[in-house]
Amino acid sequence: MGEEKIRYVVTKERFSGPDIGVYDTYGITCQAAGQMIRIRDISTDAKKVTRMEKKFNRFGLAPIHFYDVVEDMLA
């Protein structure tokens, strides 16, 4: 059997908050084995989130580590 294909994709959403109004924010969706894992509202900095996504795809980050790695990269 072939190796499982894991793909990370940047997503953009528009949110609003009572104190800050409307803003665009970026998250990442992991697509693996027919399932999707989504982390929303990671940052308003598109470049930062895109760098994360590129690293995850380049190194084949296992979905089980997705949340922890995002948390570590934001710390």
PDB file of N, CA and C in Angstrom:
ATOM      1  N   MET A   1       0.833  -1.191   0.000  1.00  0.00           N
ATOM      2  CA  MET A   1       0.000   0.000   0.000  1.00  0.00           C
ATOM      3  C   MET A   1       0.874   1.250   0.000  1.00  0.00           C
ATOM      4  N   GLY A   2       0.333   2.334  -0.546  1.00  0.00           N
ATOM      5  CA  GLY A   2       1.071   3.589  -0.607  1.00  0.00           C
ATOM      6  C   GLY A   2       1.059   4.326   0.716  1.00  0.00           C
ATOM      7  N   GLU A   3       1.934   5.288   0.791  1.00  0.00           N
ATOM      8  CA  GLU A   3       2.040   6.115   1.996  1.00  0.00           C
ATOM      9  C   GLU A   3       0.860   7.086   2.061  1.00  0.00           C
ATOM     10  N   GLU A   4       0.350   7.322   3.268  1.00  0.00           N
ATOM     11  CA  GLU A   4      -0.766   8.240   3.481  1.00  0.00           C
ATOM     12  C   GLU A   4      -0.345   9.661   3.101  1.00  0.00           C
ATOM     13  N   LYS A   5      -1.158  10.329   2.288  1.00  0.00           N
ATOM     14  CA  LYS A   5      -0.880  11.697   1.875  1.00  0.00           C
ATOM     15  C   LYS A   5      -1.474  12.659   2.900  1.00  0.00           C
ATOM     16  N   ILE A   6      -0.615  13.496   3.454  1.00  0.00           N
ATOM     17  CA  ILE A   6      -1.030  14.503   4.430  1.00  0.00           C
ATOM     18  C   ILE A   6      -0.819  15.861   3.785  1.00  0.00           C
ATOM     19  N   ARG A   7      -1.827  16.708   3.880  1.00  0.00           N
ATOM     20  CA  ARG A   7      -1.735  18.027   3.253  1.00  0.00           C
ATOM     21  C   ARG A   7      -2.270  19.082   4.212  1.00  0.00           C
ATOM     22  N   TYR A   8      -1.518  20.153   4.355  1.00  0.00           N
ATOM     23  CA  TYR A   8      -1.917  21.288   5.183  1.00  0.00           C
ATOM     24  C   TYR A   8      -2.240  22.464   4.274  1.00  0.00           C
ATOM     25  N   VAL A   9      -3.334  23.176   4.579  1.00  0.00           N
ATOM     26  CA  VAL A   9      -3.805  24.277   3.741  1.00  0.00           C
ATOM     27  C   VAL A   9      -4.184  25.460   4.636  1.00  0.00           C
ATOM     28  N   VAL A  10      -3.735  26.659   4.260  1.00  0.00           N
ATOM     29  CA  VAL A  10      -4.105  27.872   4.984  1.00  0.00           C
ATOM     30  C   VAL A  10      -5.556  28.219   4.660  1.00  0.00           C
ATOM     31  N   THR A  11      -6.300  28.612   5.691  1.00  0.00           N
ATOM     32  CA  THR A  11      -7.679  29.049   5.502  1.00  0.00           C
ATOM     33  C   THR A  11      -7.814  30.488   6.015  1.00  0.00           C
ATOM     34  N   LYS A  12      -8.706  31.231   5.407  1.00  0.00           N
ATOM     35  CA  LYS A  12      -8.944  32.626   5.801  1.00  0.00           C
ATOM     36  C   LYS A  12     -10.417  32.772   6.181  1.00  0.00           C
ATOM     37  N   GLU A  13     -10.645  33.436   7.300  1.00  0.00           N
ATOM     38  CA  GLU A  13     -12.012  33.687   7.747  1.00  0.00           C
ATOM     39  C   GLU A  13     -12.135  35.131   8.200  1.00  0.00           C
ATOM     40  N   ARG A  14     -13.338  35.600   8.237  1.00  0.00           N
ATOM     41  CA  ARG A  14     -13.605  36.947   8.728  1.00  0.00           C
ATOM     42  C   ARG A  14     -14.406  36.810  10.025  1.00  0.00           C
ATOM     43  N   PHE A  15     -13.879  37.388  11.073  1.00  0.00           N
ATOM     44  CA  PHE A  15     -14.531  37.375  12.380  1.00  0.00           C
ATOM     45  C   PHE A  15     -14.831  38.802  12.803  1.00  0.00           C
ATOM     46  N   SER A  16     -15.626  38.926  13.846  1.00  0.00           N
ATOM     47  CA  SER A  16     -15.848  40.243  14.430  1.00  0.00           C
ATOM     48  C   SER A  16     -15.899  40.111  15.939  1.00  0.00           C
ATOM     49  N   GLY A  17     -15.386  41.121  16.591  1.00  0.00           N
ATOM     50  CA  GLY A  17     -15.390  41.169  18.044  1.00  0.00           C
ATOM     51  C   GLY A  17     -15.921  42.513  18.492  1.00  0.00           C
ATOM     52  N   PRO A  18     -16.569  42.548  19.639  1.00  0.00           N
ATOM     53  CA  PRO A  18     -17.176  43.806  20.090  1.00  0.00           C
ATOM     54  C   PRO A  18     -16.153  44.921  20.320  1.00  0.00           C
ATOM     55  N   ASP A  19     -14.946  44.575  20.697  1.00  0.00           N
ATOM     56  CA  ASP A  19     -13.938  45.597  20.988  1.00  0.00           C
ATOM     57  C   ASP A  19     -13.071  45.962  19.789  1.00  0.00           C
ATOM     58  N   ILE A  20     -12.937  45.028  18.830  1.00  0.00           N
ATOM     59  CA  ILE A  20     -12.010  45.283  17.725  1.00  0.00           C
ATOM     60  C   ILE A  20     -12.669  45.342  16.360  1.00  0.00           C
ATOM     61  N   GLY A  21     -13.952  45.052  16.274  1.00  0.00           N
ATOM     62  CA  GLY A  21     -14.648  45.117  15.000  1.00  0.00           C
ATOM     63  C   GLY A  21     -14.368  43.909  14.125  1.00  0.00           C
ATOM     64  N   VAL A  22     -14.483  44.093  12.828  1.00  0.00           N
ATOM     65  CA  VAL A  22     -14.311  43.015  11.861  1.00  0.00           C
ATOM     66  C   VAL A  22     -12.830  42.873  11.508  1.00  0.00           C
ATOM     67  N   TYR A  23     -12.364  41.616  11.445  1.00  0.00           N
ATOM     68  CA  TYR A  23     -10.970  41.373  11.076  1.00  0.00           C
ATOM     69  C   TYR A  23     -10.843  40.045  10.347  1.00  0.00           C
ATOM     70  N   ASP A  24      -9.821  39.945   9.497  1.00  0.00           N
ATOM     71  CA  ASP A  24      -9.507  38.699   8.815  1.00  0.00           C
ATOM     72  C   ASP A  24      -8.504  37.927   9.650  1.00  0.00           C
ATOM     73  N   THR A  25      -8.701  36.636   9.735  1.00  0.00           N
ATOM     74  CA  THR A  25      -7.795  35.790  10.488  1.00  0.00           C
ATOM     75  C   THR A  25      -7.513  34.529   9.686  1.00  0.00           C
ATOM     76  N   TYR A  26      -6.398  33.886  10.006  1.00  0.00           N
ATOM     77  CA  TYR A  26      -5.946  32.736   9.234  1.00  0.00           C
ATOM     78  C   TYR A  26      -5.779  31.525  10.135  1.00  0.00           C
ATOM     79  N   GLY A  27      -6.117  30.386   9.589  1.00  0.00           N
ATOM     80  CA  GLY A  27      -5.972  29.120  10.282  1.00  0.00           C
ATOM     81  C   GLY A  27      -5.363  28.109   9.331  1.00  0.00           C
ATOM     82  N   ILE A  28      -5.277  26.883   9.771  1.00  0.00           N
ATOM     83  CA  ILE A  28      -4.732  25.811   8.934  1.00  0.00           C
ATOM     84  C   ILE A  28      -5.643  24.596   9.051  1.00  0.00           C
ATOM     85  N   THR A  29      -5.895  23.962   7.906  1.00  0.00           N
ATOM     86  CA  THR A  29      -6.644  22.718   7.872  1.00  0.00           C
ATOM     87  C   THR A  29      -5.706  21.604   7.444  1.00  0.00           C
ATOM     88  N   CYS A  30      -5.752  20.502   8.182  1.00  0.00           N
ATOM     89  CA  CYS A  30      -4.978  19.304   7.851  1.00  0.00           C
ATOM     90  C   CYS A  30      -5.927  18.318   7.185  1.00  0.00           C
ATOM     91  N   GLN A  31      -5.532  17.859   6.003  1.00  0.00           N
ATOM     92  CA  GLN A  31      -6.315  16.855   5.285  1.00  0.00           C
ATOM     93  C   GLN A  31      -5.489  15.579   5.233  1.00  0.00           C
ATOM     94  N   ALA A  32      -6.015  14.524   5.865  1.00  0.00           N
ATOM     95  CA  ALA A  32      -5.290  13.255   5.915  1.00  0.00           C
ATOM     96  C   ALA A  32      -6.276  12.103   6.033  1.00  0.00           C
ATOM     97  N   ALA A  33      -6.061  11.069   5.247  1.00  0.00           N
ATOM     98  CA  ALA A  33      -6.862   9.845   5.308  1.00  0.00           C
ATOM     99  C   ALA A  33      -8.361  10.131   5.271  1.00  0.00           C
ATOM    100  N   GLY A  34      -8.760  11.057   4.420  1.00  0.00           N
ATOM    101  CA  GLY A  34     -10.171  11.369   4.272  1.00  0.00           C
ATOM    102  C   GLY A  34     -10.768  12.161   5.421  1.00  0.00           C
ATOM    103  N   GLN A  35      -9.950  12.610   6.354  1.00  0.00           N
ATOM    104  CA  GLN A  35     -10.424  13.396   7.480  1.00  0.00           C
ATOM    105  C   GLN A  35      -9.821  14.791   7.426  1.00  0.00           C
ATOM    106  N   MET A  36     -10.485  15.726   8.099  1.00  0.00           N
ATOM    107  CA  MET A  36      -9.978  17.089   8.176  1.00  0.00           C
ATOM    108  C   MET A  36      -9.884  17.511   9.633  1.00  0.00           C
ATOM    109  N   ILE A  37      -8.744  18.087   9.984  1.00  0.00           N
ATOM    110  CA  ILE A  37      -8.539  18.662  11.308  1.00  0.00           C
ATOM    111  C   ILE A  37      -8.291  20.144  11.067  1.00  0.00           C
ATOM    112  N   ARG A  38      -9.025  20.978  11.762  1.00  0.00           N
ATOM    113  CA  ARG A  38      -8.952  22.406  11.484  1.00  0.00           C
ATOM    114  C   ARG A  38      -8.627  23.196  12.751  1.00  0.00           C
ATOM    115  N   ILE A  39      -7.643  24.071  12.629  1.00  0.00           N
ATOM    116  CA  ILE A  39      -7.351  25.009  13.710  1.00  0.00           C
ATOM    117  C   ILE A  39      -7.657  26.395  13.157  1.00  0.00           C
ATOM    118  N   ARG A  40      -8.645  27.031  13.754  1.00  0.00           N
ATOM    119  CA  ARG A  40      -9.100  28.339  13.281  1.00  0.00           C
ATOM    120  C   ARG A  40      -8.437  29.452  14.078  1.00  0.00           C
ATOM    121  N   ASP A  41      -8.398  30.634  13.475  1.00  0.00           N
ATOM    122  CA  ASP A  41      -7.992  31.863  14.152  1.00  0.00           C
ATOM    123  C   ASP A  41      -6.617  31.744  14.816  1.00  0.00           C
ATOM    124  N   ILE A  42      -5.640  31.252  14.053  1.00  0.00           N
ATOM    125  CA  ILE A  42      -4.269  31.141  14.570  1.00  0.00           C
ATOM    126  C   ILE A  42      -3.650  32.524  14.698  1.00  0.00           C
ATOM    127  N   SER A  43      -3.805  33.339  13.650  1.00  0.00           N
ATOM    128  CA  SER A  43      -3.182  34.656  13.638  1.00  0.00           C
ATOM    129  C   SER A  43      -3.826  35.529  12.571  1.00  0.00           C
ATOM    130  N   THR A  44      -3.703  36.833  12.743  1.00  0.00           N
ATOM    131  CA  THR A  44      -4.123  37.766  11.698  1.00  0.00           C
ATOM    132  C   THR A  44      -2.984  38.020  10.706  1.00  0.00           C
ATOM    133  N   ASP A  45      -1.832  37.436  10.983  1.00  0.00           N
ATOM    134  CA  ASP A  45      -0.636  37.589  10.141  1.00  0.00           C
ATOM    135  C   ASP A  45      -0.582  36.445   9.126  1.00  0.00           C
ATOM    136  N   ALA A  46      -1.019  36.720   7.896  1.00  0.00           N
ATOM    137  CA  ALA A  46      -1.072  35.700   6.851  1.00  0.00           C
ATOM    138  C   ALA A  46       0.294  35.082   6.578  1.00  0.00           C
ATOM    139  N   LYS A  47       1.348  35.903   6.596  1.00  0.00           N
ATOM    140  CA  LYS A  47       2.690  35.388   6.304  1.00  0.00           C
ATOM    141  C   LYS A  47       3.143  34.381   7.359  1.00  0.00           C
ATOM    142  N   LYS A  48       2.845  34.668   8.611  1.00  0.00           N
ATOM    143  CA  LYS A  48       3.217  33.766   9.711  1.00  0.00           C
ATOM    144  C   LYS A  48       2.543  32.399   9.545  1.00  0.00           C
ATOM    145  N   VAL A  49       1.255  32.415   9.248  1.00  0.00           N
ATOM    146  CA  VAL A  49       0.508  31.170   9.103  1.00  0.00           C
ATOM    147  C   VAL A  49       0.958  30.417   7.847  1.00  0.00           C
ATOM    148  N   THR A  50       1.255  31.137   6.787  1.00  0.00           N
ATOM    149  CA  THR A  50       1.736  30.504   5.559  1.00  0.00           C
ATOM    150  C   THR A  50       3.096  29.834   5.786  1.00  0.00           C
ATOM    151  N   ARG A  51       3.970  30.471   6.570  1.00  0.00           N
ATOM    152  CA  ARG A  51       5.264  29.842   6.893  1.00  0.00           C
ATOM    153  C   ARG A  51       5.053  28.533   7.657  1.00  0.00           C
ATOM    154  N   MET A  52       4.105  28.538   8.577  1.00  0.00           N
ATOM    155  CA  MET A  52       3.792  27.315   9.329  1.00  0.00           C
ATOM    156  C   MET A  52       3.325  26.210   8.375  1.00  0.00           C
ATOM    157  N   GLU A  53       2.378  26.559   7.524  1.00  0.00           N
ATOM    158  CA  GLU A  53       1.817  25.589   6.576  1.00  0.00           C
ATOM    159  C   GLU A  53       2.906  24.994   5.687  1.00  0.00           C
ATOM    160  N   LYS A  54       3.796  25.825   5.183  1.00  0.00           N
ATOM    161  CA  LYS A  54       4.873  25.335   4.316  1.00  0.00           C
ATOM    162  C   LYS A  54       5.790  24.361   5.062  1.00  0.00           C
ATOM    163  N   LYS A  55       6.109  24.670   6.315  1.00  0.00           N
ATOM    164  CA  LYS A  55       6.949  23.771   7.113  1.00  0.00           C
ATOM    165  C   LYS A  55       6.240  22.440   7.363  1.00  0.00           C
ATOM    166  N   PHE A  56       4.956  22.500   7.706  1.00  0.00           N
ATOM    167  CA  PHE A  56       4.207  21.276   7.976  1.00  0.00           C
ATOM    168  C   PHE A  56       4.197  20.373   6.749  1.00  0.00           C
ATOM    169  N   ASN A  57       3.963  20.962   5.568  1.00  0.00           N
ATOM    170  CA  ASN A  57       3.946  20.174   4.333  1.00  0.00           C
ATOM    171  C   ASN A  57       5.341  19.655   3.983  1.00  0.00           C
ATOM    172  N   ARG A  58       6.354  20.487   4.131  1.00  0.00           N
ATOM    173  CA  ARG A  58       7.722  20.092   3.785  1.00  0.00           C
ATOM    174  C   ARG A  58       8.200  18.917   4.620  1.00  0.00           C
ATOM    175  N   PHE A  59       7.911  18.965   5.916  1.00  0.00           N
ATOM    176  CA  PHE A  59       8.410  17.933   6.829  1.00  0.00           C
ATOM    177  C   PHE A  59       7.408  16.811   7.091  1.00  0.00           C
ATOM    178  N   GLY A  60       6.232  16.882   6.474  1.00  0.00           N
ATOM    179  CA  GLY A  60       5.246  15.821   6.629  1.00  0.00           C
ATOM    180  C   GLY A  60       4.772  15.647   8.062  1.00  0.00           C
ATOM    181  N   LEU A  61       4.443  16.760   8.708  1.00  0.00           N
ATOM    182  CA  LEU A  61       3.998  16.723  10.095  1.00  0.00           C
ATOM    183  C   LEU A  61       2.839  15.745  10.272  1.00  0.00           C
ATOM    184  N   ALA A  62       2.977  14.835  11.217  1.00  0.00           N
ATOM    185  CA  ALA A  62       1.911  13.881  11.517  1.00  0.00           C
ATOM    186  C   ALA A  62       0.743  14.621  12.162  1.00  0.00           C
ATOM    187  N   PRO A  63      -0.481  14.342  11.720  1.00  0.00           N
ATOM    188  CA  PRO A  63      -1.653  15.043  12.266  1.00  0.00           C
ATOM    189  C   PRO A  63      -1.769  14.953  13.789  1.00  0.00           C
ATOM    190  N   ILE A  64      -1.284  13.899  14.384  1.00  0.00           N
ATOM    191  CA  ILE A  64      -1.377  13.740  15.834  1.00  0.00           C
ATOM    192  C   ILE A  64      -0.599  14.841  16.569  1.00  0.00           C
ATOM    193  N   HIS A  65       0.385  15.443  15.899  1.00  0.00           N
ATOM    194  CA  HIS A  65       1.206  16.483  16.514  1.00  0.00           C
ATOM    195  C   HIS A  65       0.777  17.903  16.111  1.00  0.00           C
ATOM    196  N   PHE A  66      -0.224  18.012  15.265  1.00  0.00           N
ATOM    197  CA  PHE A  66      -0.655  19.282  14.689  1.00  0.00           C
ATOM    198  C   PHE A  66      -0.930  20.350  15.746  1.00  0.00           C
ATOM    199  N   TYR A  67      -1.821  20.067  16.689  1.00  0.00           N
ATOM    200  CA  TYR A  67      -2.179  21.067  17.711  1.00  0.00           C
ATOM    201  C   TYR A  67      -0.976  21.493  18.545  1.00  0.00           C
ATOM    202  N   ASP A  68      -0.194  20.507  18.977  1.00  0.00           N
ATOM    203  CA  ASP A  68       0.960  20.814  19.834  1.00  0.00           C
ATOM    204  C   ASP A  68       1.989  21.677  19.121  1.00  0.00           C
ATOM    205  N   VAL A  69       2.250  21.380  17.853  1.00  0.00           N
ATOM    206  CA  VAL A  69       3.251  22.135  17.110  1.00  0.00           C
ATOM    207  C   VAL A  69       2.780  23.575  16.875  1.00  0.00           C
ATOM    208  N   VAL A  70       1.506  23.758  16.542  1.00  0.00           N
ATOM    209  CA  VAL A  70       0.976  25.113  16.372  1.00  0.00           C
ATOM    210  C   VAL A  70       1.121  25.881  17.676  1.00  0.00           C
ATOM    211  N   GLU A  71       0.744  25.263  18.777  1.00  0.00           N
ATOM    212  CA  GLU A  71       0.858  25.907  20.083  1.00  0.00           C
ATOM    213  C   GLU A  71       2.310  26.288  20.384  1.00  0.00           C
ATOM    214  N   ASP A  72       3.234  25.381  20.120  1.00  0.00           N
ATOM    215  CA  ASP A  72       4.656  25.655  20.369  1.00  0.00           C
ATOM    216  C   ASP A  72       5.169  26.794  19.498  1.00  0.00           C
ATOM    217  N   MET A  73       4.733  26.832  18.233  1.00  0.00           N
ATOM    218  CA  MET A  73       5.213  27.871  17.320  1.00  0.00           C
ATOM    219  C   MET A  73       4.659  29.248  17.682  1.00  0.00           C
ATOM    220  N   LEU A  74       3.535  29.293  18.373  1.00  0.00           N
ATOM    221  CA  LEU A  74       2.949  30.569  18.780  1.00  0.00           C
ATOM    222  C   LEU A  74       3.496  31.069  20.108  1.00  0.00           C
ATOM    223  N   ALA A  75       4.132  30.170  20.847  1.00  0.00           N
ATOM    224  CA  ALA A  75       4.673  30.537  22.174  1.00  0.00           C
ATOM    225  C   ALA A  75       5.913  31.396  22.062  1.00  0.00           C
TER     226      ALA A  75
END
